[in-house]
Structure formats: C-alpha cells, structure tokens
Amino acid sequence: GSAAAVFMPWVGYGTYRLGRNAQSAVQAALQTGYRHIDTAFVYGGQTTELQVGHALRDAFRQKICNRHD
C-alpha cells in the first residue's frame, strides 16, 4: 500500500525563546500567512506552548485559519 500524502509548509515560524511574547508573536505570524508553527517544550516550557495554543485558539475563532491549514 501507499501512505497518504502529507503537505507541510517549507517555511515555519519558530517560537524559541519567545516565552510570554509567544501569543502575540504567533498571532501576528498567522495573520501574515504562516501556517507552520515550530514549538517544543524545551523552547520555553509550558509558557511558550500554552501561549501558542492561545494564539491558535484565537485565530480559529477569528477565522484567520482553521485546523486544516
């Protein structure tokens, strides 16, 4: 069998060391068209990942992007 194709943007927005600024930074990135957000626990622990999650939640609610993007 063959595997399903998965498409991922070549350019992503990195969240390393953004900390508490991550939410506003990721919101701005999503508004300008980024759809690949690079984050990891080691980039700032729970703070960064939580802020990225809030930015995505807000972007979904505002119809800036959706889960398919």
C-alpha atoms as a PDB file:
ATOM      1  CA  GLY A   1       0.000   0.000   0.000  1.00  0.00           C
ATOM      2  CA  SER A   2       0.935   3.609  -0.237  1.00  0.00           C
ATOM      3  CA  ALA A   3       0.977   6.191   2.502  1.00  0.00           C
ATOM      4  CA  ALA A   4      -1.265   9.225   2.343  1.00  0.00           C
ATOM      5  CA  ALA A   5       0.479  12.381   1.243  1.00  0.00           C
ATOM      6  CA  VAL A   6       1.061  14.977   3.938  1.00  0.00           C
ATOM      7  CA  PHE A   7       1.748  18.546   2.905  1.00  0.00           C
ATOM      8  CA  MET A   8       3.701  20.837   5.199  1.00  0.00           C
ATOM      9  CA  PRO A   9       4.839  24.386   4.505  1.00  0.00           C
ATOM     10  CA  TRP A  10       8.558  24.689   3.823  1.00  0.00           C
ATOM     11  CA  VAL A  11       8.898  27.796   5.952  1.00  0.00           C
ATOM     12  CA  GLY A  12       7.771  27.799   9.565  1.00  0.00           C
ATOM     13  CA  TYR A  13       7.577  30.328  12.361  1.00  0.00           C
ATOM     14  CA  GLY A  14       9.927  29.483  15.234  1.00  0.00           C
ATOM     15  CA  THR A  15       8.930  30.133  18.830  1.00  0.00           C
ATOM     16  CA  TYR A  16      12.293  29.560  20.520  1.00  0.00           C
ATOM     17  CA  ARG A  17      12.741  31.944  23.482  1.00  0.00           C
ATOM     18  CA  LEU A  18       9.504  33.872  22.868  1.00  0.00           C
ATOM     19  CA  GLY A  19       8.119  32.958  26.294  1.00  0.00           C
ATOM     20  CA  ARG A  20       5.260  35.242  27.300  1.00  0.00           C
ATOM     21  CA  ASN A  21       5.521  37.103  23.978  1.00  0.00           C
ATOM     22  CA  ALA A  22       4.634  33.964  22.046  1.00  0.00           C
ATOM     23  CA  GLN A  23       0.884  34.593  21.865  1.00  0.00           C
ATOM     24  CA  SER A  24       1.113  37.997  20.202  1.00  0.00           C
ATOM     25  CA  ALA A  25       4.034  36.921  18.005  1.00  0.00           C
ATOM     26  CA  VAL A  26       2.243  33.789  16.770  1.00  0.00           C
ATOM     27  CA  GLN A  27      -0.972  35.759  16.202  1.00  0.00           C
ATOM     28  CA  ALA A  28       0.963  38.184  14.001  1.00  0.00           C
ATOM     29  CA  ALA A  29       2.624  35.289  12.155  1.00  0.00           C
ATOM     30  CA  LEU A  30      -0.741  33.631  11.475  1.00  0.00           C
ATOM     31  CA  GLN A  31      -2.210  36.925  10.246  1.00  0.00           C
ATOM     32  CA  THR A  32       0.655  37.288   7.766  1.00  0.00           C
ATOM     33  CA  GLY A  33       0.166  33.786   6.398  1.00  0.00           C
ATOM     34  CA  TYR A  34       2.372  31.421   8.386  1.00  0.00           C
ATOM     35  CA  ARG A  35       0.765  28.003   8.812  1.00  0.00           C
ATOM     36  CA  HIS A  36       3.696  26.044  10.243  1.00  0.00           C
ATOM     37  CA  ILE A  37       4.414  26.941  13.877  1.00  0.00           C
ATOM     38  CA  ASP A  38       7.556  25.319  15.294  1.00  0.00           C
ATOM     39  CA  THR A  39       7.358  24.836  19.053  1.00  0.00           C
ATOM     40  CA  ALA A  40       8.652  22.395  21.631  1.00  0.00           C
ATOM     41  CA  PHE A  41       8.611  22.116  25.400  1.00  0.00           C
ATOM     42  CA  VAL A  42      12.338  22.869  25.523  1.00  0.00           C
ATOM     43  CA  TYR A  43      11.720  26.236  23.807  1.00  0.00           C
ATOM     44  CA  GLY A  44      10.214  27.704  26.944  1.00  0.00           C
ATOM     45  CA  GLY A  45       8.436  25.013  28.869  1.00  0.00           C
ATOM     46  CA  GLN A  46       4.755  25.235  29.435  1.00  0.00           C
ATOM     47  CA  THR A  47       4.768  29.008  28.958  1.00  0.00           C
ATOM     48  CA  THR A  48       5.571  29.012  25.248  1.00  0.00           C
ATOM     49  CA  GLU A  49       3.350  26.066  24.342  1.00  0.00           C
ATOM     50  CA  LEU A  50       0.434  27.500  26.308  1.00  0.00           C
ATOM     51  CA  GLN A  51       0.812  30.873  24.570  1.00  0.00           C
ATOM     52  CA  VAL A  52       0.987  29.205  21.137  1.00  0.00           C
ATOM     53  CA  GLY A  53      -2.192  27.304  21.988  1.00  0.00           C
ATOM     54  CA  HIS A  54      -3.967  30.526  22.951  1.00  0.00           C
ATOM     55  CA  ALA A  55      -2.867  32.165  19.696  1.00  0.00           C
ATOM     56  CA  LEU A  56      -4.170  29.242  17.652  1.00  0.00           C
ATOM     57  CA  ARG A  57      -7.467  29.179  19.569  1.00  0.00           C
ATOM     58  CA  ASP A  58      -7.968  32.886  18.899  1.00  0.00           C
ATOM     59  CA  ALA A  59      -7.016  32.519  15.223  1.00  0.00           C
ATOM     60  CA  PHE A  60      -9.558  29.706  14.792  1.00  0.00           C
ATOM     61  CA  ARG A  61     -12.276  31.778  16.468  1.00  0.00           C
ATOM     62  CA  GLN A  62     -11.456  34.814  14.314  1.00  0.00           C
ATOM     63  CA  LYS A  63     -11.408  32.657  11.160  1.00  0.00           C
ATOM     64  CA  ILE A  64      -7.791  33.659  10.408  1.00  0.00           C
ATOM     65  CA  CYS A  65      -7.035  29.995   9.860  1.00  0.00           C
ATOM     66  CA  ASN A  66      -8.529  26.594  10.590  1.00  0.00           C
ATOM     67  CA  ARG A  67      -7.250  23.192  11.665  1.00  0.00           C
ATOM     68  CA  HIS A  68      -6.956  22.109   8.039  1.00  0.00           C
ATOM     69  CA  ASP A  69      -4.461  24.917   7.347  1.00  0.00           C
END
